[in-house]
PDB file of N, CA and C in Angstrom:
ATOM      1  N   MET A   1       0.684  -1.575  -0.175  1.00  0.00           N
ATOM      2  CA  MET A   1       0.366  -0.256   0.247  1.00  0.00           C
ATOM      3  C   MET A   1       1.023   1.168   0.406  1.00  0.00           C
ATOM      4  N   ASN A   2       2.149   1.473   0.480  1.00  0.00           N
ATOM      5  CA  ASN A   2       2.906   2.274   0.678  1.00  0.00           C
ATOM      6  C   ASN A   2       3.176   2.294  -0.600  1.00  0.00           C
ATOM      7  N   TYR A   3       3.539   1.968  -1.537  1.00  0.00           N
ATOM      8  CA  TYR A   3       4.583   2.181  -2.821  1.00  0.00           C
ATOM      9  C   TYR A   3       3.010   2.525  -3.497  1.00  0.00           C
ATOM     10  N   LEU A   4       1.986   2.509  -3.425  1.00  0.00           N
ATOM     11  CA  LEU A   4       0.494   3.012  -3.975  1.00  0.00           C
ATOM     12  C   LEU A   4       0.767   4.259  -4.278  1.00  0.00           C
ATOM     13  N   LYS A   5       0.719   5.153  -2.453  1.00  0.00           N
ATOM     14  CA  LYS A   5       0.750   6.047  -2.113  1.00  0.00           C
ATOM     15  C   LYS A   5       1.944   7.161  -2.189  1.00  0.00           C
ATOM     16  N   GLN A   6       3.024   6.381  -2.595  1.00  0.00           N
ATOM     17  CA  GLN A   6       3.865   7.061  -3.076  1.00  0.00           C
ATOM     18  C   GLN A   6       3.797   7.086  -4.680  1.00  0.00           C
ATOM     19  N   PHE A   7       3.446   6.487  -5.332  1.00  0.00           N
ATOM     20  CA  PHE A   7       3.627   6.654  -6.359  1.00  0.00           C
ATOM     21  C   PHE A   7       2.356   7.135  -7.381  1.00  0.00           C
ATOM     22  N   ALA A   8       1.440   7.244  -6.295  1.00  0.00           N
ATOM     23  CA  ALA A   8       0.006   8.602  -6.760  1.00  0.00           C
ATOM     24  C   ALA A   8       0.655   9.769  -6.051  1.00  0.00           C
ATOM     25  N   ILE A   9       1.512  10.132  -5.622  1.00  0.00           N
ATOM     26  CA  ILE A   9       2.467  11.487  -5.149  1.00  0.00           C
ATOM     27  C   ILE A   9       2.932  11.799  -6.123  1.00  0.00           C
ATOM     28  N   ILE A  10       4.034  10.943  -6.798  1.00  0.00           N
ATOM     29  CA  ILE A  10       4.584  11.063  -8.220  1.00  0.00           C
ATOM     30  C   ILE A  10       3.747  11.601  -8.870  1.00  0.00           C
ATOM     31  N   LEU A  11       2.667  10.839  -9.330  1.00  0.00           N
ATOM     32  CA  LEU A  11       1.990  11.332 -10.297  1.00  0.00           C
ATOM     33  C   LEU A  11       1.509  12.194 -10.617  1.00  0.00           C
ATOM     34  N   PHE A  12       1.247  12.563  -9.157  1.00  0.00           N
ATOM     35  CA  PHE A  12       0.484  13.785  -8.706  1.00  0.00           C
ATOM     36  C   PHE A  12       1.158  15.187  -9.575  1.00  0.00           C
ATOM     37  N   VAL A  13       2.827  14.944  -8.707  1.00  0.00           N
ATOM     38  CA  VAL A  13       3.662  15.613  -9.162  1.00  0.00           C
ATOM     39  C   VAL A  13       3.725  15.919 -10.817  1.00  0.00           C
ATOM     40  N   SER A  14       3.863  14.644 -11.484  1.00  0.00           N
ATOM     41  CA  SER A  14       3.672  15.131 -12.860  1.00  0.00           C
ATOM     42  C   SER A  14       2.772  15.650 -13.675  1.00  0.00           C
ATOM     43  N   PHE A  15       1.290  15.152 -13.218  1.00  0.00           N
ATOM     44  CA  PHE A  15       0.460  15.898 -13.597  1.00  0.00           C
ATOM     45  C   PHE A  15       0.633  17.646 -14.062  1.00  0.00           C
ATOM     46  N   LEU A  16       1.196  17.678 -12.860  1.00  0.00           N
ATOM     47  CA  LEU A  16       1.019  19.277 -11.955  1.00  0.00           C
ATOM     48  C   LEU A  16       2.225  19.942 -13.304  1.00  0.00           C
ATOM     49  N   GLY A  17       3.334  19.101 -13.539  1.00  0.00           N
ATOM     50  CA  GLY A  17       3.604  19.209 -14.777  1.00  0.00           C
ATOM     51  C   GLY A  17       3.614  19.451 -16.229  1.00  0.00           C
ATOM     52  N   GLU A  18       2.796  18.260 -16.258  1.00  0.00           N
ATOM     53  CA  GLU A  18       1.589  18.407 -18.017  1.00  0.00           C
ATOM     54  C   GLU A  18       1.218  19.325 -17.611  1.00  0.00           C
ATOM     55  N   LEU A  19       0.151  20.189 -16.410  1.00  0.00           N
ATOM     56  CA  LEU A  19      -0.747  21.389 -16.329  1.00  0.00           C
ATOM     57  C   LEU A  19       0.479  22.603 -16.832  1.00  0.00           C
ATOM     58  N   LEU A  20       1.302  22.840 -16.168  1.00  0.00           N
ATOM     59  CA  LEU A  20       2.656  24.048 -16.465  1.00  0.00           C
ATOM     60  C   LEU A  20       2.889  23.634 -17.767  1.00  0.00           C
ATOM     61  N   HIS A  21       3.080  22.349 -18.159  1.00  0.00           N
ATOM     62  CA  HIS A  21       3.631  22.723 -19.990  1.00  0.00           C
ATOM     63  C   HIS A  21       2.057  23.587 -20.211  1.00  0.00           C
ATOM     64  N   ILE A  22       1.372  23.161 -20.289  1.00  0.00           N
ATOM     65  CA  ILE A  22       0.296  23.278 -20.862  1.00  0.00           C
ATOM     66  C   ILE A  22      -0.282  25.239 -21.186  1.00  0.00           C
ATOM     67  N   LEU A  23       0.205  25.565 -19.179  1.00  0.00           N
ATOM     68  CA  LEU A  23      -0.462  27.046 -19.405  1.00  0.00           C
ATOM     69  C   LEU A  23       0.882  27.674 -19.647  1.00  0.00           C
ATOM     70  N   ILE A  24       2.104  27.116 -19.876  1.00  0.00           N
ATOM     71  CA  ILE A  24       3.149  28.140 -20.072  1.00  0.00           C
ATOM     72  C   ILE A  24       3.879  27.701 -21.550  1.00  0.00           C
ATOM     73  N   PRO A  25       3.957  28.702 -21.872  1.00  0.00           N
ATOM     74  CA  PRO A  25       3.941  28.513 -23.511  1.00  0.00           C
ATOM     75  C   PRO A  25       5.747  28.448 -23.737  1.00  0.00           C
ATOM     76  N   LEU A  26       6.347  27.904 -23.034  1.00  0.00           N
ATOM     77  CA  LEU A  26       7.772  27.691 -23.268  1.00  0.00           C
ATOM     78  C   LEU A  26       7.962  26.796 -23.951  1.00  0.00           C
ATOM     79  N   PRO A  27       8.942  26.204 -24.435  1.00  0.00           N
ATOM     80  CA  PRO A  27       9.314  24.761 -25.039  1.00  0.00           C
ATOM     81  C   PRO A  27      10.185  24.019 -24.121  1.00  0.00           C
ATOM     82  N   ILE A  28       9.673  24.253 -22.969  1.00  0.00           N
ATOM     83  CA  ILE A  28       9.882  22.832 -21.862  1.00  0.00           C
ATOM     84  C   ILE A  28       9.407  22.008 -22.082  1.00  0.00           C
ATOM     85  N   PRO A  29       9.801  20.491 -21.552  1.00  0.00           N
ATOM     86  CA  PRO A  29       8.732  19.525 -21.558  1.00  0.00           C
ATOM     87  C   PRO A  29       8.089  18.854 -20.530  1.00  0.00           C
ATOM     88  N   ALA A  30       6.975  18.919 -20.228  1.00  0.00           N
ATOM     89  CA  ALA A  30       6.133  18.739 -19.156  1.00  0.00           C
ATOM     90  C   ALA A  30       6.922  17.668 -17.786  1.00  0.00           C
ATOM     91  N   SER A  31       7.870  16.862 -18.055  1.00  0.00           N
ATOM     92  CA  SER A  31       8.787  16.240 -17.418  1.00  0.00           C
ATOM     93  C   SER A  31       9.805  16.888 -16.534  1.00  0.00           C
ATOM     94  N   VAL A  32      10.458  18.148 -17.358  1.00  0.00           N
ATOM     95  CA  VAL A  32      11.525  19.249 -16.303  1.00  0.00           C
ATOM     96  C   VAL A  32      10.748  19.762 -15.856  1.00  0.00           C
ATOM     97  N   TYR A  33       9.994  19.899 -16.026  1.00  0.00           N
ATOM     98  CA  TYR A  33       8.497  20.932 -14.976  1.00  0.00           C
ATOM     99  C   TYR A  33       8.176  20.058 -13.829  1.00  0.00           C
ATOM    100  N   GLY A  34       7.516  18.896 -14.124  1.00  0.00           N
ATOM    101  CA  GLY A  34       6.965  17.944 -12.843  1.00  0.00           C
ATOM    102  C   GLY A  34       8.703  17.354 -12.469  1.00  0.00           C
ATOM    103  N   LEU A  35       9.893  17.513 -12.637  1.00  0.00           N
ATOM    104  CA  LEU A  35      11.044  17.169 -11.708  1.00  0.00           C
ATOM    105  C   LEU A  35      11.145  18.690 -10.970  1.00  0.00           C
ATOM    106  N   LEU A  36      11.246  19.880 -11.535  1.00  0.00           N
ATOM    107  CA  LEU A  36      11.686  21.250 -10.913  1.00  0.00           C
ATOM    108  C   LEU A  36      10.217  21.260  -9.736  1.00  0.00           C
ATOM    109  N   LEU A  37       9.094  20.958  -9.860  1.00  0.00           N
ATOM    110  CA  LEU A  37       8.118  20.698  -8.854  1.00  0.00           C
ATOM    111  C   LEU A  37       8.150  19.821  -7.905  1.00  0.00           C
ATOM    112  N   MET A  38       8.633  18.313  -8.324  1.00  0.00           N
ATOM    113  CA  MET A  38       9.004  17.682  -7.098  1.00  0.00           C
ATOM    114  C   MET A  38      10.477  17.705  -6.423  1.00  0.00           C
ATOM    115  N   LEU A  39      11.187  18.887  -6.973  1.00  0.00           N
ATOM    116  CA  LEU A  39      12.735  18.944  -6.524  1.00  0.00           C
ATOM    117  C   LEU A  39      12.185  20.677  -4.955  1.00  0.00           C
ATOM    118  N   LEU A  40      11.296  21.578  -5.668  1.00  0.00           N
ATOM    119  CA  LEU A  40      11.224  22.578  -5.132  1.00  0.00           C
ATOM    120  C   LEU A  40      10.140  21.996  -3.982  1.00  0.00           C
ATOM    121  N   ALA A  41       9.039  21.214  -3.670  1.00  0.00           N
ATOM    122  CA  ALA A  41       8.491  20.368  -2.986  1.00  0.00           C
ATOM    123  C   ALA A  41       9.351  19.785  -1.957  1.00  0.00           C
ATOM    124  N   LEU A  42      10.125  19.152  -2.043  1.00  0.00           N
ATOM    125  CA  LEU A  42      11.320  18.496  -0.886  1.00  0.00           C
ATOM    126  C   LEU A  42      12.191  19.191  -0.676  1.00  0.00           C
ATOM    127  N   CYS A  43      12.784  20.387  -1.101  1.00  0.00           N
ATOM    128  CA  CYS A  43      13.344  21.536  -0.877  1.00  0.00           C
ATOM    129  C   CYS A  43      12.781  22.774   0.577  1.00  0.00           C
ATOM    130  N   LEU A  44      11.377  23.127   0.019  1.00  0.00           N
ATOM    131  CA  LEU A  44      10.675  23.539   0.728  1.00  0.00           C
ATOM    132  C   LEU A  44      10.318  23.081   1.692  1.00  0.00           C
ATOM    133  N   GLY A  45      10.268  21.509   1.961  1.00  0.00           N
ATOM    134  CA  GLY A  45       9.959  20.684   3.216  1.00  0.00           C
ATOM    135  C   GLY A  45       7.862  20.287   2.595  1.00  0.00           C
ATOM    136  N   ILE A  46       7.598  20.872   0.987  1.00  0.00           N
ATOM    137  CA  ILE A  46       6.161  20.200   1.015  1.00  0.00           C
ATOM    138  C   ILE A  46       5.916  18.924   1.008  1.00  0.00           C
ATOM    139  N   LEU A  47       7.161  18.432   0.636  1.00  0.00           N
ATOM    140  CA  LEU A  47       7.316  16.851   0.764  1.00  0.00           C
ATOM    141  C   LEU A  47       8.182  16.201   1.389  1.00  0.00           C
ATOM    142  N   ARG A  48       8.076  15.338   1.939  1.00  0.00           N
ATOM    143  CA  ARG A  48       9.394  14.273   3.132  1.00  0.00           C
ATOM    144  C   ARG A  48      10.064  13.643   1.875  1.00  0.00           C
ATOM    145  N   LEU A  49      10.903  13.593   2.471  1.00  0.00           N
ATOM    146  CA  LEU A  49      12.331  12.227   1.401  1.00  0.00           C
ATOM    147  C   LEU A  49      11.471  10.993   1.443  1.00  0.00           C
ATOM    148  N   GLU A  50      10.939  10.814   2.656  1.00  0.00           N
ATOM    149  CA  GLU A  50      10.285   9.554   3.067  1.00  0.00           C
ATOM    150  C   GLU A  50       8.983   9.385   2.450  1.00  0.00           C
ATOM    151  N   GLN A  51       8.576  10.191   2.030  1.00  0.00           N
ATOM    152  CA  GLN A  51       6.872   9.920   1.077  1.00  0.00           C
ATOM    153  C   GLN A  51       7.091   9.558  -0.039  1.00  0.00           C
ATOM    154  N   VAL A  52       7.913   9.647  -0.635  1.00  0.00           N
ATOM    155  CA  VAL A  52       8.432   9.331  -1.904  1.00  0.00           C
ATOM    156  C   VAL A  52       9.869   8.332  -2.543  1.00  0.00           C
ATOM    157  N   LYS A  53      10.501   8.191  -0.935  1.00  0.00           N
ATOM    158  CA  LYS A  53      11.554   7.630  -1.647  1.00  0.00           C
ATOM    159  C   LYS A  53      11.590   5.889  -1.963  1.00  0.00           C
ATOM    160  N   GLU A  54      10.987   5.220  -1.469  1.00  0.00           N
ATOM    161  CA  GLU A  54      11.315   4.172  -2.339  1.00  0.00           C
ATOM    162  C   GLU A  54      10.296   3.208  -3.832  1.00  0.00           C
ATOM    163  N   THR A  55       9.598   4.673  -3.651  1.00  0.00           N
ATOM    164  CA  THR A  55       8.513   3.854  -5.123  1.00  0.00           C
ATOM    165  C   THR A  55       9.947   4.806  -6.181  1.00  0.00           C
ATOM    166  N   ALA A  56      10.784   6.340  -6.084  1.00  0.00           N
ATOM    167  CA  ALA A  56      11.277   6.762  -6.500  1.00  0.00           C
ATOM    168  C   ALA A  56      12.738   5.523  -6.808  1.00  0.00           C
ATOM    169  N   GLY A  57      13.222   4.820  -5.775  1.00  0.00           N
ATOM    170  CA  GLY A  57      14.142   3.796  -6.296  1.00  0.00           C
ATOM    171  C   GLY A  57      14.017   3.176  -7.070  1.00  0.00           C
ATOM    172  N   PHE A  58      12.615   2.637  -6.894  1.00  0.00           N
ATOM    173  CA  PHE A  58      12.051   0.991  -7.658  1.00  0.00           C
ATOM    174  C   PHE A  58      12.133   1.691  -8.783  1.00  0.00           C
ATOM    175  N   LEU A  59      11.401   2.661  -9.361  1.00  0.00           N
ATOM    176  CA  LEU A  59      11.173   3.593 -10.600  1.00  0.00           C
ATOM    177  C   LEU A  59      12.991   3.643 -11.398  1.00  0.00           C
ATOM    178  N   ILE A  60      13.976   4.449 -10.715  1.00  0.00           N
ATOM    179  CA  ILE A  60      14.970   4.461 -10.982  1.00  0.00           C
ATOM    180  C   ILE A  60      15.928   2.835 -11.331  1.00  0.00           C
ATOM    181  N   GLU A  61      15.405   2.005 -10.504  1.00  0.00           N
ATOM    182  CA  GLU A  61      16.021   0.755 -10.867  1.00  0.00           C
ATOM    183  C   GLU A  61      15.389   0.473 -12.360  1.00  0.00           C
ATOM    184  N   ILE A  62      14.054   0.121 -12.417  1.00  0.00           N
ATOM    185  CA  ILE A  62      13.278  -0.488 -13.678  1.00  0.00           C
ATOM    186  C   ILE A  62      13.256   0.849 -15.478  1.00  0.00           C
ATOM    187  N   MET A  63      14.172   1.750 -14.996  1.00  0.00           N
ATOM    188  CA  MET A  63      14.261   2.745 -15.841  1.00  0.00           C
ATOM    189  C   MET A  63      15.072   2.253 -17.172  1.00  0.00           C
ATOM    190  N   PRO A  64      16.055   1.727 -16.936  1.00  0.00           N
ATOM    191  CA  PRO A  64      16.611   0.868 -18.113  1.00  0.00           C
ATOM    192  C   PRO A  64      15.523   0.004 -19.081  1.00  0.00           C
ATOM    193  N   VAL A  65      14.648  -0.559 -18.791  1.00  0.00           N
ATOM    194  CA  VAL A  65      13.781  -1.297 -19.277  1.00  0.00           C
ATOM    195  C   VAL A  65      12.796  -0.560 -20.107  1.00  0.00           C
ATOM    196  N   MET A  66      12.896   1.586 -19.878  1.00  0.00           N
ATOM    197  CA  MET A  66      12.125   2.507 -20.713  1.00  0.00           C
ATOM    198  C   MET A  66      12.223   1.875 -21.557  1.00  0.00           C
ATOM    199  N   PHE A  67      14.145   1.998 -22.189  1.00  0.00           N
ATOM    200  CA  PHE A  67      14.563   2.620 -22.721  1.00  0.00           C
ATOM    201  C   PHE A  67      14.549   1.234 -24.370  1.00  0.00           C
ATOM    202  N   ILE A  68      14.243   0.757 -23.736  1.00  0.00           N
ATOM    203  CA  ILE A  68      14.379  -1.240 -24.863  1.00  0.00           C
ATOM    204  C   ILE A  68      12.716  -0.350 -25.623  1.00  0.00           C
ATOM    205  N   PRO A  69      11.914  -0.034 -25.823  1.00  0.00           N
ATOM    206  CA  PRO A  69      10.964   0.811 -26.719  1.00  0.00           C
ATOM    207  C   PRO A  69      11.928   1.282 -28.072  1.00  0.00           C
ATOM    208  N   ALA A  70      12.412   2.637 -27.283  1.00  0.00           N
ATOM    209  CA  ALA A  70      13.165   3.091 -28.102  1.00  0.00           C
ATOM    210  C   ALA A  70      13.829   2.612 -28.824  1.00  0.00           C
ATOM    211  N   ALA A  71      15.317   2.230 -28.257  1.00  0.00           N
ATOM    212  CA  ALA A  71      15.878   1.286 -29.045  1.00  0.00           C
ATOM    213  C   ALA A  71      15.176   0.562 -29.760  1.00  0.00           C
ATOM    214  N   VAL A  72      14.712   0.089 -29.968  1.00  0.00           N
ATOM    215  CA  VAL A  72      13.851  -0.570 -30.706  1.00  0.00           C
ATOM    216  C   VAL A  72      13.247  -0.011 -31.908  1.00  0.00           C
ATOM    217  N   GLY A  73      12.959   1.270 -31.568  1.00  0.00           N
ATOM    218  CA  GLY A  73      12.572   2.227 -33.054  1.00  0.00           C
ATOM    219  C   GLY A  73      13.561   2.692 -33.855  1.00  0.00           C
ATOM    220  N   LEU A  74      14.759   3.121 -32.429  1.00  0.00           N
ATOM    221  CA  LEU A  74      15.580   3.635 -33.524  1.00  0.00           C
ATOM    222  C   LEU A  74      16.262   2.461 -34.661  1.00  0.00           C
ATOM    223  N   LEU A  75      16.223   1.025 -34.452  1.00  0.00           N
ATOM    224  CA  LEU A  75      16.610  -0.512 -35.379  1.00  0.00           C
ATOM    225  C   LEU A  75      16.000  -0.594 -36.307  1.00  0.00           C
ATOM    226  N   GLU A  76      14.622   0.374 -36.217  1.00  0.00           N
ATOM    227  CA  GLU A  76      13.426  -0.395 -37.100  1.00  0.00           C
ATOM    228  C   GLU A  76      14.166   1.361 -38.204  1.00  0.00           C
ATOM    229  N   SER A  77      14.506   2.076 -37.679  1.00  0.00           N
ATOM    230  CA  SER A  77      14.446   3.559 -38.533  1.00  0.00           C
ATOM    231  C   SER A  77      15.951   3.646 -39.023  1.00  0.00           C
ATOM    232  N   TRP A  78      16.314   2.202 -38.725  1.00  0.00           N
ATOM    233  CA  TRP A  78      18.320   2.326 -39.854  1.00  0.00           C
ATOM    234  C   TRP A  78      18.410   3.540 -40.990  1.00  0.00           C
ATOM    235  N   SER A  79      17.633   2.645 -41.650  1.00  0.00           N
ATOM    236  CA  SER A  79      17.853   3.111 -42.753  1.00  0.00           C
ATOM    237  C   SER A  79      17.898   4.706 -42.753  1.00  0.00           C
ATOM    238  N   ALA A  80      17.553   5.131 -42.304  1.00  0.00           N
ATOM    239  CA  ALA A  80      16.792   6.941 -42.363  1.00  0.00           C
ATOM    240  C   ALA A  80      18.012   7.455 -41.488  1.00  0.00           C
ATOM    241  N   LEU A  81      18.783   6.758 -40.491  1.00  0.00           N
ATOM    242  CA  LEU A  81      19.599   7.659 -39.425  1.00  0.00           C
ATOM    243  C   LEU A  81      21.207   7.031 -40.043  1.00  0.00           C
ATOM    244  N   GLN A  82      21.174   6.156 -40.984  1.00  0.00           N
ATOM    245  CA  GLN A  82      22.538   5.431 -41.593  1.00  0.00           C
ATOM    246  C   GLN A  82      23.181   6.690 -41.927  1.00  0.00           C
ATOM    247  N   PRO A  83      22.903   7.643 -43.022  1.00  0.00           N
ATOM    248  CA  PRO A  83      23.294   8.676 -44.109  1.00  0.00           C
ATOM    249  C   PRO A  83      23.935   9.525 -42.358  1.00  0.00           C
ATOM    250  N   MET A  84      23.447  10.017 -41.503  1.00  0.00           N
ATOM    251  CA  MET A  84      23.810  11.163 -40.552  1.00  0.00           C
ATOM    252  C   MET A  84      24.468  10.055 -39.260  1.00  0.00           C
ATOM    253  N   ILE A  85      25.359   8.880 -39.123  1.00  0.00           N
ATOM    254  CA  ILE A  85      25.289   8.760 -38.277  1.00  0.00           C
ATOM    255  C   ILE A  85      26.432   9.584 -37.432  1.00  0.00           C
ATOM    256  N   VAL A  86      27.388   9.686 -37.940  1.00  0.00           N
ATOM    257  CA  VAL A  86      28.402  10.226 -37.515  1.00  0.00           C
ATOM    258  C   VAL A  86      27.887  11.543 -36.897  1.00  0.00           C
ATOM    259  N   PRO A  87      27.999  12.780 -37.605  1.00  0.00           N
ATOM    260  CA  PRO A  87      27.005  13.570 -36.100  1.00  0.00           C
ATOM    261  C   PRO A  87      26.177  13.301 -35.265  1.00  0.00           C
ATOM    262  N   VAL A  88      25.152  12.374 -35.441  1.00  0.00           N
ATOM    263  CA  VAL A  88      24.512  11.736 -33.926  1.00  0.00           C
ATOM    264  C   VAL A  88      25.637  11.264 -33.230  1.00  0.00           C
ATOM    265  N   VAL A  89      26.342  10.286 -33.306  1.00  0.00           N
ATOM    266  CA  VAL A  89      27.291  10.073 -32.759  1.00  0.00           C
ATOM    267  C   VAL A  89      28.433  11.096 -32.098  1.00  0.00           C
ATOM    268  N   VAL A  90      29.102  12.345 -33.019  1.00  0.00           N
ATOM    269  CA  VAL A  90      29.757  12.866 -31.942  1.00  0.00           C
ATOM    270  C   VAL A  90      29.330  13.962 -30.903  1.00  0.00           C
ATOM    271  N   ILE A  91      27.122  14.326 -31.722  1.00  0.00           N
ATOM    272  CA  ILE A  91      26.955  15.319 -30.858  1.00  0.00           C
ATOM    273  C   ILE A  91      26.237  14.357 -29.182  1.00  0.00           C
ATOM    274  N   THR A  92      26.730  13.149 -29.796  1.00  0.00           N
ATOM    275  CA  THR A  92      25.604  11.782 -28.131  1.00  0.00           C
ATOM    276  C   THR A  92      27.051  11.915 -27.353  1.00  0.00           C
ATOM    277  N   ILE A  93      28.389  11.949 -28.197  1.00  0.00           N
ATOM    278  CA  ILE A  93      29.896  11.644 -26.961  1.00  0.00           C
ATOM    279  C   ILE A  93      29.961  13.255 -26.535  1.00  0.00           C
ATOM    280  N   LEU A  94      29.686  14.405 -27.489  1.00  0.00           N
ATOM    281  CA  LEU A  94      29.575  15.791 -26.847  1.00  0.00           C
ATOM    282  C   LEU A  94      28.635  16.146 -25.902  1.00  0.00           C
ATOM    283  N   THR A  95      27.570  16.254 -26.252  1.00  0.00           N
ATOM    284  CA  THR A  95      26.652  16.501 -25.114  1.00  0.00           C
ATOM    285  C   THR A  95      26.990  15.600 -23.764  1.00  0.00           C
ATOM    286  N   THR A  96      27.247  13.807 -24.298  1.00  0.00           N
ATOM    287  CA  THR A  96      27.324  13.125 -22.584  1.00  0.00           C
ATOM    288  C   THR A  96      28.295  13.975 -21.886  1.00  0.00           C
ATOM    289  N   VAL A  97      29.862  14.125 -22.627  1.00  0.00           N
ATOM    290  CA  VAL A  97      30.999  14.327 -21.555  1.00  0.00           C
ATOM    291  C   VAL A  97      30.380  16.084 -21.217  1.00  0.00           C
ATOM    292  N   ILE A  98      29.527  16.937 -21.696  1.00  0.00           N
ATOM    293  CA  ILE A  98      29.348  18.350 -21.341  1.00  0.00           C
ATOM    294  C   ILE A  98      28.267  17.911 -19.692  1.00  0.00           C
ATOM    295  N   VAL A  99      27.479  17.031 -20.237  1.00  0.00           N
ATOM    296  CA  VAL A  99      26.330  17.229 -18.988  1.00  0.00           C
ATOM    297  C   VAL A  99      27.366  16.231 -17.964  1.00  0.00           C
ATOM    298  N   MET A 100      28.183  15.279 -17.785  1.00  0.00           N
ATOM    299  CA  MET A 100      28.922  15.039 -16.854  1.00  0.00           C
ATOM    300  C   MET A 100      29.928  15.917 -16.518  1.00  0.00           C
ATOM    301  N   GLY A 101      30.456  16.855 -16.865  1.00  0.00           N
ATOM    302  CA  GLY A 101      31.712  18.024 -16.860  1.00  0.00           C
ATOM    303  C   GLY A 101      30.345  18.992 -16.084  1.00  0.00           C
ATOM    304  N   VAL A 102      28.719  19.008 -16.030  1.00  0.00           N
ATOM    305  CA  VAL A 102      28.605  20.180 -15.549  1.00  0.00           C
ATOM    306  C   VAL A 102      27.562  19.452 -14.293  1.00  0.00           C
ATOM    307  N   THR A 103      27.473  18.453 -14.241  1.00  0.00           N
ATOM    308  CA  THR A 103      27.001  17.869 -13.060  1.00  0.00           C
ATOM    309  C   THR A 103      28.396  17.577 -12.470  1.00  0.00           C
ATOM    310  N   GLY A 104      28.830  17.132 -12.553  1.00  0.00           N
ATOM    311  CA  GLY A 104      30.412  16.634 -11.481  1.00  0.00           C
ATOM    312  C   GLY A 104      30.576  18.257 -10.971  1.00  0.00           C
ATOM    313  N   LEU A 105      30.615  19.138 -11.562  1.00  0.00           N
ATOM    314  CA  LEU A 105      30.640  20.300 -10.804  1.00  0.00           C
ATOM    315  C   LEU A 105      29.888  21.287  -9.970  1.00  0.00           C
ATOM    316  N   VAL A 106      28.417  20.769 -10.181  1.00  0.00           N
ATOM    317  CA  VAL A 106      27.436  21.266  -9.799  1.00  0.00           C
ATOM    318  C   VAL A 106      27.502  20.310  -8.220  1.00  0.00           C
ATOM    319  N   THR A 107      27.509  19.285  -8.150  1.00  0.00           N
ATOM    320  CA  THR A 107      27.914  18.334  -7.212  1.00  0.00           C
ATOM    321  C   THR A 107      28.750  18.860  -6.452  1.00  0.00           C
ATOM    322  N   GLN A 108      30.253  19.204  -6.786  1.00  0.00           N
ATOM    323  CA  GLN A 108      30.909  19.790  -6.240  1.00  0.00           C
ATOM    324  C   GLN A 108      31.237  20.847  -5.084  1.00  0.00           C
ATOM    325  N   PHE A 109      30.140  21.629  -6.238  1.00  0.00           N
ATOM    326  CA  PHE A 109      29.514  23.501  -5.268  1.00  0.00           C
ATOM    327  C   PHE A 109      28.908  23.160  -4.201  1.00  0.00           C
ATOM    328  N   LEU A 110      27.802  22.158  -4.665  1.00  0.00           N
ATOM    329  CA  LEU A 110      26.937  22.087  -3.435  1.00  0.00           C
ATOM    330  C   LEU A 110      27.038  20.942  -2.154  1.00  0.00           C
ATOM    331  N   ILE A 111      28.671  20.100  -2.614  1.00  0.00           N
ATOM    332  CA  ILE A 111      29.024  19.471  -1.289  1.00  0.00           C
ATOM    333  C   ILE A 111      29.882  19.982  -0.149  1.00  0.00           C
ATOM    334  N   ARG A 112      30.579  20.977  -1.135  1.00  0.00           N
ATOM    335  CA  ARG A 112      31.518  22.420  -0.717  1.00  0.00           C
ATOM    336  C   ARG A 112      30.444  23.202   0.016  1.00  0.00           C
ATOM    337  N   ASN A 113      29.270  23.851  -0.300  1.00  0.00           N
ATOM    338  CA  ASN A 113      27.913  24.447   0.233  1.00  0.00           C
ATOM    339  C   ASN A 113      28.174  24.388   1.587  1.00  0.00           C
ATOM    340  N   LYS A 114      27.406  22.723   1.384  1.00  0.00           N
ATOM    341  CA  LYS A 114      26.906  22.161   2.561  1.00  0.00           C
ATOM    342  C   LYS A 114      28.340  21.643   3.214  1.00  0.00           C
ATOM    343  N   LYS A 115      29.219  21.614   3.077  1.00  0.00           N
ATOM    344  CA  LYS A 115      30.462  21.305   4.456  1.00  0.00           C
ATOM    345  C   LYS A 115      30.834  23.074   4.573  1.00  0.00           C
ATOM    346  N   GLU A 116      30.822  24.142   4.205  1.00  0.00           N
ATOM    347  CA  GLU A 116      30.485  25.568   4.585  1.00  0.00           C
ATOM    348  C   GLU A 116      29.769  26.000   5.747  1.00  0.00           C
ATOM    349  N   ARG A 117      28.459  25.541   5.537  1.00  0.00           N
ATOM    350  CA  ARG A 117      27.311  25.922   6.244  1.00  0.00           C
ATOM    351  C   ARG A 117      27.235  24.529   7.466  1.00  0.00           C
ATOM    352  N   LYS A 118      27.980  23.525   7.639  1.00  0.00           N
ATOM    353  CA  LYS A 118      28.105  22.886   9.018  1.00  0.00           C
ATOM    354  C   LYS A 118      29.309  23.272   9.669  1.00  0.00           C
ATOM    355  N   GLU A 119      30.569  24.001   9.038  1.00  0.00           N
ATOM    356  CA  GLU A 119      31.442  24.919   9.655  1.00  0.00           C
ATOM    357  C   GLU A 119      30.819  25.863  10.501  1.00  0.00           C
ATOM    358  N   LYS A 120      30.197  26.416   9.952  1.00  0.00           N
ATOM    359  CA  LYS A 120      29.646  27.678  10.547  1.00  0.00           C
ATOM    360  C   LYS A 120      28.578  27.406  11.603  1.00  0.00           C
TER     361      LYS A 120
END
């Protein structure tokens, strides 16, 4: 029952993200709005981590399964992708490295900031 309650909370936040996507005319995916809302709710104490932790962990564990349909779709459209494979691979590698670098820098900043707060 606990999983259902936590899943309902996550779905509700995702639904609010969909509403924001409809109401705000920006080219931002609804899932990003949902993630920002979840982050805000957790940071502001509206939600406690314990209220969604178990189900969120489960969803993260099964996330690779969600990529199977997309991979199959890419395989089916291989003939259309083949002429542009080099630019796609270069862009994929570049953006992966950039995302990893930015994530590392942000993580280091947050860890330093947390240590400074503890020292004060």
